[in-house]
Amino acid sequence: MKIVCKWLKDNRVLVNPDGQVLPCCYLANPIWGIKQNFKGGEAGRHSDGGKGVDSDGNPLSVVYNQFGKGGKSAMEEYNNDKEKYNIHNNDMKDILKGKWFTKTLPDSWKDETKTISQCRKWCGEE
């Protein structure tokens, strides 16, 4: 399966309200939704009470690990360096020139075990 990123073709990215820069809404929306569910407040009261939160209290590791298909997903690498990809910490130009956006993500499209499931689902071409 060939991945042709729709957002990349249009030179677009998405910045979540918390400042996280992601390549598209297909990745940003589930991450933002899960993150809000674990924060407490109204959404948090209906969550699983924090199951899946890692030792740092980061529920997103659960989401990032589910993006792949057996191997280490490109989203795991993003999660490990997520502060680098936050507009509150870095300039947009530096974020987009970073290793994850220029190498890790595009390379993941060539290895099915590393391809993010949303990339496969929304931008995969037979």
PDB file of N, CA and C in Angstrom:
ATOM      1  N   MET A   1       0.845  -1.181   0.000  1.00  0.00           N
ATOM      2  CA  MET A   1       0.000   0.000   0.000  1.00  0.00           C
ATOM      3  C   MET A   1       0.887   1.241   0.000  1.00  0.00           C
ATOM      4  N   LYS A   2       0.560   2.158  -0.852  1.00  0.00           N
ATOM      5  CA  LYS A   2       1.292   3.420  -0.940  1.00  0.00           C
ATOM      6  C   LYS A   2       0.534   4.481  -0.130  1.00  0.00           C
ATOM      7  N   ILE A   3       1.286   5.269   0.645  1.00  0.00           N
ATOM      8  CA  ILE A   3       0.684   6.357   1.421  1.00  0.00           C
ATOM      9  C   ILE A   3       0.946   7.670   0.684  1.00  0.00           C
ATOM     10  N   VAL A   4      -0.123   8.398   0.418  1.00  0.00           N
ATOM     11  CA  VAL A   4      -0.027   9.733  -0.178  1.00  0.00           C
ATOM     12  C   VAL A   4      -0.733  10.687   0.786  1.00  0.00           C
ATOM     13  N   CYS A   5       0.055  11.386   1.576  1.00  0.00           N
ATOM     14  CA  CYS A   5      -0.484  12.258   2.617  1.00  0.00           C
ATOM     15  C   CYS A   5      -1.253  13.426   1.997  1.00  0.00           C
ATOM     16  N   LYS A   6      -2.554  13.469   2.274  1.00  0.00           N
ATOM     17  CA  LYS A   6      -3.414  14.524   1.722  1.00  0.00           C
ATOM     18  C   LYS A   6      -3.037  15.904   2.249  1.00  0.00           C
ATOM     19  N   TRP A   7      -2.710  15.972   3.521  1.00  0.00           N
ATOM     20  CA  TRP A   7      -2.380  17.269   4.106  1.00  0.00           C
ATOM     21  C   TRP A   7      -1.019  17.755   3.622  1.00  0.00           C
ATOM     22  N   LEU A   8      -0.058  16.840   3.500  1.00  0.00           N
ATOM     23  CA  LEU A   8       1.264  17.199   3.011  1.00  0.00           C
ATOM     24  C   LEU A   8       1.179  17.744   1.581  1.00  0.00           C
ATOM     25  N   LYS A   9       0.342  17.109   0.761  1.00  0.00           N
ATOM     26  CA  LYS A   9       0.159  17.578  -0.616  1.00  0.00           C
ATOM     27  C   LYS A   9      -0.316  19.032  -0.653  1.00  0.00           C
ATOM     28  N   ASP A  10      -1.112  19.425   0.341  1.00  0.00           N
ATOM     29  CA  ASP A  10      -1.639  20.793   0.417  1.00  0.00           C
ATOM     30  C   ASP A  10      -0.787  21.711   1.288  1.00  0.00           C
ATOM     31  N   ASN A  11       0.376  21.226   1.724  1.00  0.00           N
ATOM     32  CA  ASN A  11       1.271  21.997   2.597  1.00  0.00           C
ATOM     33  C   ASN A  11       0.560  22.499   3.853  1.00  0.00           C
ATOM     34  N   ARG A  12      -0.163  21.604   4.513  1.00  0.00           N
ATOM     35  CA  ARG A  12      -0.889  21.970   5.725  1.00  0.00           C
ATOM     36  C   ARG A  12      -0.466  21.080   6.890  1.00  0.00           C
ATOM     37  N   VAL A  13      -0.583  21.632   8.098  1.00  0.00           N
ATOM     38  CA  VAL A  13      -0.434  20.872   9.343  1.00  0.00           C
ATOM     39  C   VAL A  13      -1.531  21.357  10.280  1.00  0.00           C
ATOM     40  N   LEU A  14      -1.634  20.724  11.425  1.00  0.00           N
ATOM     41  CA  LEU A  14      -2.644  21.111  12.400  1.00  0.00           C
ATOM     42  C   LEU A  14      -1.975  21.382  13.743  1.00  0.00           C
ATOM     43  N   VAL A  15      -2.408  22.428  14.413  1.00  0.00           N
ATOM     44  CA  VAL A  15      -1.911  22.739  15.755  1.00  0.00           C
ATOM     45  C   VAL A  15      -3.080  22.557  16.718  1.00  0.00           C
ATOM     46  N   ASN A  16      -2.941  21.599  17.627  1.00  0.00           N
ATOM     47  CA  ASN A  16      -3.977  21.382  18.633  1.00  0.00           C
ATOM     48  C   ASN A  16      -4.009  22.557  19.611  1.00  0.00           C
ATOM     49  N   PRO A  17      -5.111  22.717  20.336  1.00  0.00           N
ATOM     50  CA  PRO A  17      -5.215  23.828  21.291  1.00  0.00           C
ATOM     51  C   PRO A  17      -4.109  23.863  22.341  1.00  0.00           C
ATOM     52  N   ASP A  18      -3.486  22.717  22.631  1.00  0.00           N
ATOM     53  CA  ASP A  18      -2.399  22.689  23.612  1.00  0.00           C
ATOM     54  C   ASP A  18      -1.052  23.013  22.982  1.00  0.00           C
ATOM     55  N   GLY A  19      -1.037  23.289  21.661  1.00  0.00           N
ATOM     56  CA  GLY A  19       0.191  23.670  20.985  1.00  0.00           C
ATOM     57  C   GLY A  19       0.892  22.550  20.251  1.00  0.00           C
ATOM     58  N   GLN A  20       0.408  21.314  20.380  1.00  0.00           N
ATOM     59  CA  GLN A  20       1.033  20.196  19.677  1.00  0.00           C
ATOM     60  C   GLN A  20       0.813  20.333  18.176  1.00  0.00           C
ATOM     61  N   VAL A  21       1.905  20.245  17.428  1.00  0.00           N
ATOM     62  CA  VAL A  21       1.849  20.327  15.975  1.00  0.00           C
ATOM     63  C   VAL A  21       1.826  18.903  15.436  1.00  0.00           C
ATOM     64  N   LEU A  22       0.815  18.624  14.649  1.00  0.00           N
ATOM     65  CA  LEU A  22       0.652  17.299  14.056  1.00  0.00           C
ATOM     66  C   LEU A  22       0.388  17.442  12.567  1.00  0.00           C
ATOM     67  N   PRO A  23       0.681  16.395  11.812  1.00  0.00           N
ATOM     68  CA  PRO A  23       0.590  16.519  10.365  1.00  0.00           C
ATOM     69  C   PRO A  23      -0.828  16.647   9.822  1.00  0.00           C
ATOM     70  N   CYS A  24      -1.844  16.239  10.598  1.00  0.00           N
ATOM     71  CA  CYS A  24      -3.203  16.278  10.061  1.00  0.00           C
ATOM     72  C   CYS A  24      -4.226  16.072  11.167  1.00  0.00           C
ATOM     73  N   CYS A  25      -5.484  16.265  10.819  1.00  0.00           N
ATOM     74  CA  CYS A  25      -6.562  16.061  11.785  1.00  0.00           C
ATOM     75  C   CYS A  25      -6.764  14.585  12.102  1.00  0.00           C
ATOM     76  N   TYR A  26      -6.368  13.703  11.183  1.00  0.00           N
ATOM     77  CA  TYR A  26      -6.546  12.275  11.405  1.00  0.00           C
ATOM     78  C   TYR A  26      -5.710  11.796  12.587  1.00  0.00           C
ATOM     79  N   LEU A  27      -4.609  12.465  12.852  1.00  0.00           N
ATOM     80  CA  LEU A  27      -3.774  12.145  14.014  1.00  0.00           C
ATOM     81  C   LEU A  27      -4.123  13.036  15.198  1.00  0.00           C
ATOM     82  N   ALA A  28      -4.362  14.297  14.929  1.00  0.00           N
ATOM     83  CA  ALA A  28      -4.582  15.266  16.006  1.00  0.00           C
ATOM     84  C   ALA A  28      -5.878  15.028  16.766  1.00  0.00           C
ATOM     85  N   ASN A  29      -6.961  14.742  16.064  1.00  0.00           N
ATOM     86  CA  ASN A  29      -8.256  14.608  16.728  1.00  0.00           C
ATOM     87  C   ASN A  29      -8.306  13.490  17.759  1.00  0.00           C
ATOM     88  N   PRO A  30      -7.859  12.266  17.436  1.00  0.00           N
ATOM     89  CA  PRO A  30      -7.917  11.229  18.473  1.00  0.00           C
ATOM     90  C   PRO A  30      -7.004  11.532  19.660  1.00  0.00           C
ATOM     91  N   ILE A  31      -5.847  12.111  19.388  1.00  0.00           N
ATOM     92  CA  ILE A  31      -4.920  12.444  20.476  1.00  0.00           C
ATOM     93  C   ILE A  31      -5.536  13.499  21.390  1.00  0.00           C
ATOM     94  N   TRP A  32      -6.089  14.541  20.815  1.00  0.00           N
ATOM     95  CA  TRP A  32      -6.708  15.606  21.609  1.00  0.00           C
ATOM     96  C   TRP A  32      -7.895  15.067  22.402  1.00  0.00           C
ATOM     97  N   GLY A  33      -8.725  14.262  21.767  1.00  0.00           N
ATOM     98  CA  GLY A  33      -9.898  13.719  22.444  1.00  0.00           C
ATOM     99  C   GLY A  33      -9.537  12.855  23.630  1.00  0.00           C
ATOM    100  N   ILE A  34      -8.580  11.966  23.454  1.00  0.00           N
ATOM    101  CA  ILE A  34      -8.156  11.097  24.552  1.00  0.00           C
ATOM    102  C   ILE A  34      -7.526  11.924  25.663  1.00  0.00           C
ATOM    103  N   LYS A  35      -6.713  12.886  25.289  1.00  0.00           N
ATOM    104  CA  LYS A  35      -6.061  13.729  26.293  1.00  0.00           C
ATOM    105  C   LYS A  35      -7.110  14.449  27.140  1.00  0.00           C
ATOM    106  N   GLN A  36      -8.144  14.958  26.527  1.00  0.00           N
ATOM    107  CA  GLN A  36      -9.195  15.655  27.269  1.00  0.00           C
ATOM    108  C   GLN A  36      -9.956  14.710  28.176  1.00  0.00           C
ATOM    109  N   ASN A  37     -10.118  13.487  27.756  1.00  0.00           N
ATOM    110  CA  ASN A  37     -10.838  12.498  28.538  1.00  0.00           C
ATOM    111  C   ASN A  37     -10.122  12.159  29.837  1.00  0.00           C
ATOM    112  N   PHE A  38      -8.806  12.296  29.869  1.00  0.00           N
ATOM    113  CA  PHE A  38      -8.038  11.936  31.051  1.00  0.00           C
ATOM    114  C   PHE A  38      -7.730  13.121  31.957  1.00  0.00           C
ATOM    115  N   LYS A  39      -8.158  14.325  31.574  1.00  0.00           N
ATOM    116  CA  LYS A  39      -7.800  15.514  32.345  1.00  0.00           C
ATOM    117  C   LYS A  39      -8.636  15.700  33.597  1.00  0.00           C
ATOM    118  N   GLY A  40      -9.757  15.051  33.690  1.00  0.00           N
ATOM    119  CA  GLY A  40     -10.673  15.348  34.775  1.00  0.00           C
ATOM    120  C   GLY A  40     -11.795  16.168  34.194  1.00  0.00           C
ATOM    121  N   GLY A  41     -12.437  16.962  35.009  1.00  0.00           N
ATOM    122  CA  GLY A  41     -13.527  17.769  34.477  1.00  0.00           C
ATOM    123  C   GLY A  41     -14.642  16.879  33.973  1.00  0.00           C
ATOM    124  N   GLU A  42     -15.548  17.433  33.209  1.00  0.00           N
ATOM    125  CA  GLU A  42     -16.718  16.690  32.741  1.00  0.00           C
ATOM    126  C   GLU A  42     -16.328  15.462  31.921  1.00  0.00           C
ATOM    127  N   ALA A  43     -15.429  15.635  30.968  1.00  0.00           N
ATOM    128  CA  ALA A  43     -15.031  14.496  30.136  1.00  0.00           C
ATOM    129  C   ALA A  43     -14.348  13.437  30.987  1.00  0.00           C
ATOM    130  N   GLY A  44     -13.506  13.872  31.902  1.00  0.00           N
ATOM    131  CA  GLY A  44     -12.769  12.933  32.735  1.00  0.00           C
ATOM    132  C   GLY A  44     -13.648  12.117  33.655  1.00  0.00           C
ATOM    133  N   ARG A  45     -14.749  12.684  34.103  1.00  0.00           N
ATOM    134  CA  ARG A  45     -15.649  11.943  34.984  1.00  0.00           C
ATOM    135  C   ARG A  45     -16.252  10.733  34.280  1.00  0.00           C
ATOM    136  N   HIS A  46     -16.272  10.767  32.976  1.00  0.00           N
ATOM    137  CA  HIS A  46     -16.857   9.669  32.223  1.00  0.00           C
ATOM    138  C   HIS A  46     -15.789   8.740  31.658  1.00  0.00           C
ATOM    139  N   SER A  47     -14.529   9.012  31.968  1.00  0.00           N
ATOM    140  CA  SER A  47     -13.454   8.156  31.449  1.00  0.00           C
ATOM    141  C   SER A  47     -13.297   6.938  32.337  1.00  0.00           C
ATOM    142  N   ASP A  48     -12.276   6.170  32.076  1.00  0.00           N
ATOM    143  CA  ASP A  48     -12.053   4.950  32.845  1.00  0.00           C
ATOM    144  C   ASP A  48     -11.322   5.221  34.159  1.00  0.00           C
ATOM    145  N   GLY A  49     -11.263   6.462  34.573  1.00  0.00           N
ATOM    146  CA  GLY A  49     -10.636   6.794  35.842  1.00  0.00           C
ATOM    147  C   GLY A  49      -9.127   6.794  35.803  1.00  0.00           C
ATOM    148  N   GLY A  50      -8.554   6.805  34.628  1.00  0.00           N
ATOM    149  CA  GLY A  50      -7.110   6.904  34.519  1.00  0.00           C
ATOM    150  C   GLY A  50      -6.404   5.641  34.085  1.00  0.00           C
ATOM    151  N   LYS A  51      -7.118   4.575  33.786  1.00  0.00           N
ATOM    152  CA  LYS A  51      -6.457   3.359  33.298  1.00  0.00           C
ATOM    153  C   LYS A  51      -5.656   3.707  32.056  1.00  0.00           C
ATOM    154  N   GLY A  52      -4.505   3.106  31.939  1.00  0.00           N
ATOM    155  CA  GLY A  52      -3.683   3.333  30.756  1.00  0.00           C
ATOM    156  C   GLY A  52      -2.744   4.521  30.881  1.00  0.00           C
ATOM    157  N   VAL A  53      -2.795   5.241  31.982  1.00  0.00           N
ATOM    158  CA  VAL A  53      -1.893   6.360  32.183  1.00  0.00           C
ATOM    159  C   VAL A  53      -0.532   5.797  32.550  1.00  0.00           C
ATOM    160  N   ASP A  54       0.499   6.282  31.877  1.00  0.00           N
ATOM    161  CA  ASP A  54       1.829   5.762  32.171  1.00  0.00           C
ATOM    162  C   ASP A  54       2.370   6.325  33.471  1.00  0.00           C
ATOM    163  N   SER A  55       3.582   5.949  33.843  1.00  0.00           N
ATOM    164  CA  SER A  55       4.155   6.340  35.128  1.00  0.00           C
ATOM    165  C   SER A  55       4.333   7.847  35.266  1.00  0.00           C
ATOM    166  N   ASP A  56       4.346   8.559  34.141  1.00  0.00           N
ATOM    167  CA  ASP A  56       4.433  10.016  34.183  1.00  0.00           C
ATOM    168  C   ASP A  56       3.051  10.667  34.179  1.00  0.00           C
ATOM    169  N   GLY A  57       2.012   9.848  34.237  1.00  0.00           N
ATOM    170  CA  GLY A  57       0.660  10.387  34.190  1.00  0.00           C
ATOM    171  C   GLY A  57       0.246  10.771  32.786  1.00  0.00           C
ATOM    172  N   ASN A  58       0.907  10.223  31.785  1.00  0.00           N
ATOM    173  CA  ASN A  58       0.634  10.587  30.395  1.00  0.00           C
ATOM    174  C   ASN A  58      -0.238   9.543  29.717  1.00  0.00           C
ATOM    175  N   PRO A  59      -1.533   9.788  29.582  1.00  0.00           N
ATOM    176  CA  PRO A  59      -2.407   8.808  28.957  1.00  0.00           C
ATOM    177  C   PRO A  59      -2.164   8.662  27.464  1.00  0.00           C
ATOM    178  N   LEU A  60      -1.516   9.612  26.862  1.00  0.00           N
ATOM    179  CA  LEU A  60      -1.330   9.568  25.420  1.00  0.00           C
ATOM    180  C   LEU A  60      -0.426   8.433  24.981  1.00  0.00           C
ATOM    181  N   SER A  61       0.422   7.938  25.858  1.00  0.00           N
ATOM    182  CA  SER A  61       1.279   6.829  25.458  1.00  0.00           C
ATOM    183  C   SER A  61       0.435   5.640  25.023  1.00  0.00           C
ATOM    184  N   VAL A  62      -0.712   5.470  25.640  1.00  0.00           N
ATOM    185  CA  VAL A  62      -1.620   4.397  25.262  1.00  0.00           C
ATOM    186  C   VAL A  62      -2.084   4.615  23.826  1.00  0.00           C
ATOM    187  N   VAL A  63      -2.466   5.822  23.517  1.00  0.00           N
ATOM    188  CA  VAL A  63      -2.941   6.148  22.170  1.00  0.00           C
ATOM    189  C   VAL A  63      -1.817   6.004  21.168  1.00  0.00           C
ATOM    190  N   TYR A  64      -0.652   6.557  21.467  1.00  0.00           N
ATOM    191  CA  TYR A  64       0.462   6.497  20.530  1.00  0.00           C
ATOM    192  C   TYR A  64       0.827   5.043  20.219  1.00  0.00           C
ATOM    193  N   ASN A  65       0.808   4.189  21.204  1.00  0.00           N
ATOM    194  CA  ASN A  65       1.175   2.794  20.989  1.00  0.00           C
ATOM    195  C   ASN A  65       0.149   2.059  20.136  1.00  0.00           C
ATOM    196  N   GLN A  66      -1.086   2.529  20.108  1.00  0.00           N
ATOM    197  CA  GLN A  66      -2.120   1.872  19.332  1.00  0.00           C
ATOM    198  C   GLN A  66      -2.102   2.289  17.863  1.00  0.00           C
ATOM    199  N   PHE A  67      -1.320   3.300  17.510  1.00  0.00           N
ATOM    200  CA  PHE A  67      -1.296   3.767  16.136  1.00  0.00           C
ATOM    201  C   PHE A  67      -0.610   2.790  15.194  1.00  0.00           C
ATOM    202  N   GLY A  68       0.321   2.008  15.680  1.00  0.00           N
ATOM    203  CA  GLY A  68       1.113   1.144  14.814  1.00  0.00           C
ATOM    204  C   GLY A  68       0.454  -0.194  14.531  1.00  0.00           C
ATOM    205  N   LYS A  69       1.175  -1.026  13.811  1.00  0.00           N
ATOM    206  CA  LYS A  69       0.663  -2.356  13.455  1.00  0.00           C
ATOM    207  C   LYS A  69       1.740  -3.386  13.765  1.00  0.00           C
ATOM    208  N   GLY A  70       2.049  -3.550  15.021  1.00  0.00           N
ATOM    209  CA  GLY A  70       3.006  -4.577  15.416  1.00  0.00           C
ATOM    210  C   GLY A  70       4.373  -4.046  15.787  1.00  0.00           C
ATOM    211  N   GLY A  71       4.976  -3.214  14.960  1.00  0.00           N
ATOM    212  CA  GLY A  71       6.301  -2.674  15.248  1.00  0.00           C
ATOM    213  C   GLY A  71       6.197  -1.373  16.016  1.00  0.00           C
ATOM    214  N   LYS A  72       7.311  -0.720  16.159  1.00  0.00           N
ATOM    215  CA  LYS A  72       7.307   0.570  16.847  1.00  0.00           C
ATOM    216  C   LYS A  72       6.739   1.618  15.899  1.00  0.00           C
ATOM    217  N   SER A  73       5.596   2.129  16.253  1.00  0.00           N
ATOM    218  CA  SER A  73       4.924   3.128  15.435  1.00  0.00           C
ATOM    219  C   SER A  73       5.702   4.438  15.430  1.00  0.00           C
ATOM    220  N   ALA A  74       5.586   5.166  14.341  1.00  0.00           N
ATOM    221  CA  ALA A  74       6.193   6.499  14.261  1.00  0.00           C
ATOM    222  C   ALA A  74       5.646   7.403  15.359  1.00  0.00           C
ATOM    223  N   MET A  75       4.433   7.154  15.822  1.00  0.00           N
ATOM    224  CA  MET A  75       3.848   7.980  16.871  1.00  0.00           C
ATOM    225  C   MET A  75       4.520   7.770  18.211  1.00  0.00           C
ATOM    226  N   GLU A  76       5.111   6.618  18.425  1.00  0.00           N
ATOM    227  CA  GLU A  76       5.858   6.406  19.669  1.00  0.00           C
ATOM    228  C   GLU A  76       7.057   7.351  19.726  1.00  0.00           C
ATOM    229  N   GLU A  77       7.741   7.508  18.592  1.00  0.00           N
ATOM    230  CA  GLU A  77       8.867   8.441  18.541  1.00  0.00           C
ATOM    231  C   GLU A  77       8.382   9.873  18.753  1.00  0.00           C
ATOM    232  N   TYR A  78       7.258  10.214  18.162  1.00  0.00           N
ATOM    233  CA  TYR A  78       6.679  11.545  18.364  1.00  0.00           C
ATOM    234  C   TYR A  78       6.426  11.762  19.855  1.00  0.00           C
ATOM    235  N   ASN A  79       5.804  10.789  20.491  1.00  0.00           N
ATOM    236  CA  ASN A  79       5.475  10.900  21.915  1.00  0.00           C
ATOM    237  C   ASN A  79       6.726  11.093  22.766  1.00  0.00           C
ATOM    238  N   ASN A  80       7.795  10.398  22.421  1.00  0.00           N
ATOM    239  CA  ASN A  80       9.032  10.518  23.196  1.00  0.00           C
ATOM    240  C   ASN A  80       9.620  11.923  23.141  1.00  0.00           C
ATOM    241  N   ASP A  81       9.365  12.643  22.053  1.00  0.00           N
ATOM    242  CA  ASP A  81       9.910  13.996  21.880  1.00  0.00           C
ATOM    243  C   ASP A  81       8.807  15.040  21.700  1.00  0.00           C
ATOM    244  N   LYS A  82       7.629  14.778  22.226  1.00  0.00           N
ATOM    245  CA  LYS A  82       6.480  15.645  21.938  1.00  0.00           C
ATOM    246  C   LYS A  82       6.689  17.105  22.334  1.00  0.00           C
ATOM    247  N   GLU A  83       7.519  17.365  23.312  1.00  0.00           N
ATOM    248  CA  GLU A  83       7.768  18.760  23.705  1.00  0.00           C
ATOM    249  C   GLU A  83       8.454  19.531  22.575  1.00  0.00           C
ATOM    250  N   LYS A  84       9.262  18.835  21.769  1.00  0.00           N
ATOM    251  CA  LYS A  84       9.926  19.472  20.624  1.00  0.00           C
ATOM    252  C   LYS A  84       8.918  19.921  19.576  1.00  0.00           C
ATOM    253  N   TYR A  85       7.786  19.204  19.518  1.00  0.00           N
ATOM    254  CA  TYR A  85       6.793  19.447  18.473  1.00  0.00           C
ATOM    255  C   TYR A  85       5.622  20.265  18.987  1.00  0.00           C
ATOM    256  N   ASN A  86       5.909  21.088  19.980  1.00  0.00           N
ATOM    257  CA  ASN A  86       4.889  21.963  20.559  1.00  0.00           C
ATOM    258  C   ASN A  86       5.238  23.405  20.233  1.00  0.00           C
ATOM    259  N   ILE A  87       4.287  24.125  19.694  1.00  0.00           N
ATOM    260  CA  ILE A  87       4.502  25.500  19.235  1.00  0.00           C
ATOM    261  C   ILE A  87       4.851  26.437  20.394  1.00  0.00           C
ATOM    262  N   HIS A  88       4.509  26.035  21.612  1.00  0.00           N
ATOM    263  CA  HIS A  88       4.857  26.844  22.787  1.00  0.00           C
ATOM    264  C   HIS A  88       6.336  26.683  23.164  1.00  0.00           C
ATOM    265  N   ASN A  89       6.971  25.657  22.626  1.00  0.00           N
ATOM    266  CA  ASN A  89       8.365  25.386  22.945  1.00  0.00           C
ATOM    267  C   ASN A  89       9.321  25.649  21.789  1.00  0.00           C
ATOM    268  N   ASN A  90       8.824  25.588  20.562  1.00  0.00           N
ATOM    269  CA  ASN A  90       9.677  25.731  19.390  1.00  0.00           C
ATOM    270  C   ASN A  90       8.974  26.501  18.285  1.00  0.00           C
ATOM    271  N   ASP A  91       9.769  27.055  17.429  1.00  0.00           N
ATOM    272  CA  ASP A  91       9.294  27.769  16.252  1.00  0.00           C
ATOM    273  C   ASP A  91       8.720  26.766  15.246  1.00  0.00           C
ATOM    274  N   MET A  92       7.646  27.131  14.568  1.00  0.00           N
ATOM    275  CA  MET A  92       7.014  26.236  13.602  1.00  0.00           C
ATOM    276  C   MET A  92       8.004  25.750  12.541  1.00  0.00           C
ATOM    277  N   LYS A  93       8.838  26.645  12.070  1.00  0.00           N
ATOM    278  CA  LYS A  93       9.819  26.277  11.051  1.00  0.00           C
ATOM    279  C   LYS A  93      10.738  25.168  11.571  1.00  0.00           C
ATOM    280  N   ASP A  94      11.211  25.299  12.819  1.00  0.00           N
ATOM    281  CA  ASP A  94      12.078  24.282  13.401  1.00  0.00           C
ATOM    282  C   ASP A  94      11.340  22.963  13.607  1.00  0.00           C
ATOM    283  N   ILE A  95      10.090  23.039  14.010  1.00  0.00           N
ATOM    284  CA  ILE A  95       9.290  21.826  14.201  1.00  0.00           C
ATOM    285  C   ILE A  95       9.175  21.070  12.883  1.00  0.00           C
ATOM    286  N   LEU A  96       8.822  21.786  11.835  1.00  0.00           N
ATOM    287  CA  LEU A  96       8.590  21.139  10.542  1.00  0.00           C
ATOM    288  C   LEU A  96       9.875  20.665   9.870  1.00  0.00           C
ATOM    289  N   LYS A  97      11.013  21.241  10.268  1.00  0.00           N
ATOM    290  CA  LYS A  97      12.306  20.790   9.747  1.00  0.00           C
ATOM    291  C   LYS A  97      12.903  19.683  10.607  1.00  0.00           C
ATOM    292  N   GLY A  98      12.238  19.350  11.710  1.00  0.00           N
ATOM    293  CA  GLY A  98      12.736  18.334  12.631  1.00  0.00           C
ATOM    294  C   GLY A  98      12.702  16.938  12.032  1.00  0.00           C
ATOM    295  N   LYS A  99      13.445  16.054  12.656  1.00  0.00           N
ATOM    296  CA  LYS A  99      13.609  14.679  12.174  1.00  0.00           C
ATOM    297  C   LYS A  99      12.274  13.951  12.016  1.00  0.00           C
ATOM    298  N   TRP A 100      11.351  14.148  12.957  1.00  0.00           N
ATOM    299  CA  TRP A 100      10.108  13.388  12.898  1.00  0.00           C
ATOM    300  C   TRP A 100       9.297  13.742  11.646  1.00  0.00           C
ATOM    301  N   PHE A 101       9.205  15.036  11.337  1.00  0.00           N
ATOM    302  CA  PHE A 101       8.420  15.455  10.179  1.00  0.00           C
ATOM    303  C   PHE A 101       9.135  15.188   8.855  1.00  0.00           C
ATOM    304  N   THR A 102      10.458  15.253   8.837  1.00  0.00           N
ATOM    305  CA  THR A 102      11.194  15.121   7.580  1.00  0.00           C
ATOM    306  C   THR A 102      11.656  13.696   7.277  1.00  0.00           C
ATOM    307  N   LYS A 103      11.832  12.880   8.317  1.00  0.00           N
ATOM    308  CA  LYS A 103      12.357  11.532   8.093  1.00  0.00           C
ATOM    309  C   LYS A 103      11.466  10.436   8.678  1.00  0.00           C
ATOM    310  N   THR A 104      11.206  10.517   9.979  1.00  0.00           N
ATOM    311  CA  THR A 104      10.490   9.436  10.649  1.00  0.00           C
ATOM    312  C   THR A 104       9.118   9.180  10.033  1.00  0.00           C
ATOM    313  N   LEU A 105       8.316  10.229   9.896  1.00  0.00           N
ATOM    314  CA  LEU A 105       6.971  10.046   9.354  1.00  0.00           C
ATOM    315  C   LEU A 105       7.007   9.553   7.913  1.00  0.00           C
ATOM    316  N   PRO A 106       7.716  10.232   6.996  1.00  0.00           N
ATOM    317  CA  PRO A 106       7.743   9.720   5.614  1.00  0.00           C
ATOM    318  C   PRO A 106       8.336   8.313   5.499  1.00  0.00           C
ATOM    319  N   ASP A 107       9.366   8.007   6.291  1.00  0.00           N
ATOM    320  CA  ASP A 107       9.951   6.670   6.251  1.00  0.00           C
ATOM    321  C   ASP A 107       8.969   5.613   6.761  1.00  0.00           C
ATOM    322  N   SER A 108       8.110   6.000   7.701  1.00  0.00           N
ATOM    323  CA  SER A 108       7.144   5.039   8.248  1.00  0.00           C
ATOM    324  C   SER A 108       6.156   4.568   7.186  1.00  0.00           C
ATOM    325  N   TRP A 109       5.944   5.365   6.181  1.00  0.00           N
ATOM    326  CA  TRP A 109       5.016   4.982   5.108  1.00  0.00           C
ATOM    327  C   TRP A 109       5.570   3.863   4.245  1.00  0.00           C
ATOM    328  N   LYS A 110       6.875   3.597   4.369  1.00  0.00           N
ATOM    329  CA  LYS A 110       7.524   2.551   3.566  1.00  0.00           C
ATOM    330  C   LYS A 110       7.626   1.223   4.324  1.00  0.00           C
ATOM    331  N   ASP A 111       7.304   1.226   5.611  1.00  0.00           N
ATOM    332  CA  ASP A 111       7.412   0.034   6.453  1.00  0.00           C
ATOM    333  C   ASP A 111       6.076  -0.186   7.151  1.00  0.00           C
ATOM    334  N   GLU A 112       5.362  -1.208   6.729  1.00  0.00           N
ATOM    335  CA  GLU A 112       4.017  -1.444   7.232  1.00  0.00           C
ATOM    336  C   GLU A 112       3.958  -1.611   8.750  1.00  0.00           C
ATOM    337  N   THR A 113       5.046  -2.099   9.373  1.00  0.00           N
ATOM    338  CA  THR A 113       5.026  -2.273  10.823  1.00  0.00           C
ATOM    339  C   THR A 113       5.147  -0.939  11.558  1.00  0.00           C
ATOM    340  N   LYS A 114       5.594   0.095  10.857  1.00  0.00           N
ATOM    341  CA  LYS A 114       5.748   1.410  11.479  1.00  0.00           C
ATOM    342  C   LYS A 114       4.701   2.421  11.011  1.00  0.00           C
ATOM    343  N   THR A 115       3.967   2.064   9.964  1.00  0.00           N
ATOM    344  CA  THR A 115       2.978   2.988   9.419  1.00  0.00           C
ATOM    345  C   THR A 115       1.880   3.244  10.437  1.00  0.00           C
ATOM    346  N   ILE A 116       1.549   4.474  10.632  1.00  0.00           N
ATOM    347  CA  ILE A 116       0.488   4.872  11.553  1.00  0.00           C
ATOM    348  C   ILE A 116      -0.843   4.442  10.943  1.00  0.00           C
ATOM    349  N   SER A 117      -1.695   3.830  11.752  1.00  0.00           N
ATOM    350  CA  SER A 117      -2.945   3.274  11.225  1.00  0.00           C
ATOM    351  C   SER A 117      -3.810   4.327  10.532  1.00  0.00           C
ATOM    352  N   GLN A 118      -3.817   5.560  11.045  1.00  0.00           N
ATOM    353  CA  GLN A 118      -4.600   6.609  10.404  1.00  0.00           C
ATOM    354  C   GLN A 118      -4.055   6.951   9.021  1.00  0.00           C
ATOM    355  N   CYS A 119      -2.737   6.899   8.866  1.00  0.00           N
ATOM    356  CA  CYS A 119      -2.134   7.145   7.542  1.00  0.00           C
ATOM    357  C   CYS A 119      -2.602   6.088   6.561  1.00  0.00           C
ATOM    358  N   ARG A 120      -2.601   4.848   7.033  1.00  0.00           N
ATOM    359  CA  ARG A 120      -3.045   3.743   6.196  1.00  0.00           C
ATOM    360  C   ARG A 120      -4.519   3.914   5.827  1.00  0.00           C
ATOM    361  N   LYS A 121      -5.323   4.236   6.824  1.00  0.00           N
ATOM    362  CA  LYS A 121      -6.766   4.311   6.610  1.00  0.00           C
ATOM    363  C   LYS A 121      -7.178   5.459   5.706  1.00  0.00           C
ATOM    364  N   TRP A 122      -6.645   6.652   5.948  1.00  0.00           N
ATOM    365  CA  TRP A 122      -7.118   7.845   5.262  1.00  0.00           C
ATOM    366  C   TRP A 122      -6.296   8.242   4.025  1.00  0.00           C
ATOM    367  N   CYS A 123      -5.044   7.826   3.971  1.00  0.00           N
ATOM    368  CA  CYS A 123      -4.182   8.264   2.874  1.00  0.00           C
ATOM    369  C   CYS A 123      -3.553   7.111   2.107  1.00  0.00           C
ATOM    370  N   GLY A 124      -3.957   5.893   2.418  1.00  0.00           N
ATOM    371  CA  GLY A 124      -3.425   4.732   1.724  1.00  0.00           C
ATOM    372  C   GLY A 124      -4.079   4.547   0.366  1.00  0.00           C
ATOM    373  N   GLU A 125      -3.248   4.194  -0.600  1.00  0.00           N
ATOM    374  CA  GLU A 125      -3.743   3.931  -1.950  1.00  0.00           C
ATOM    375  C   GLU A 125      -3.248   2.555  -2.365  1.00  0.00           C
ATOM    376  N   GLU A 126      -4.122   1.784  -2.951  1.00  0.00           N
ATOM    377  CA  GLU A 126      -3.759   0.438  -3.428  1.00  0.00           C
ATOM    378  C   GLU A 126      -2.894   0.546  -4.668  1.00  0.00           C
TER     379      GLU A 126
END
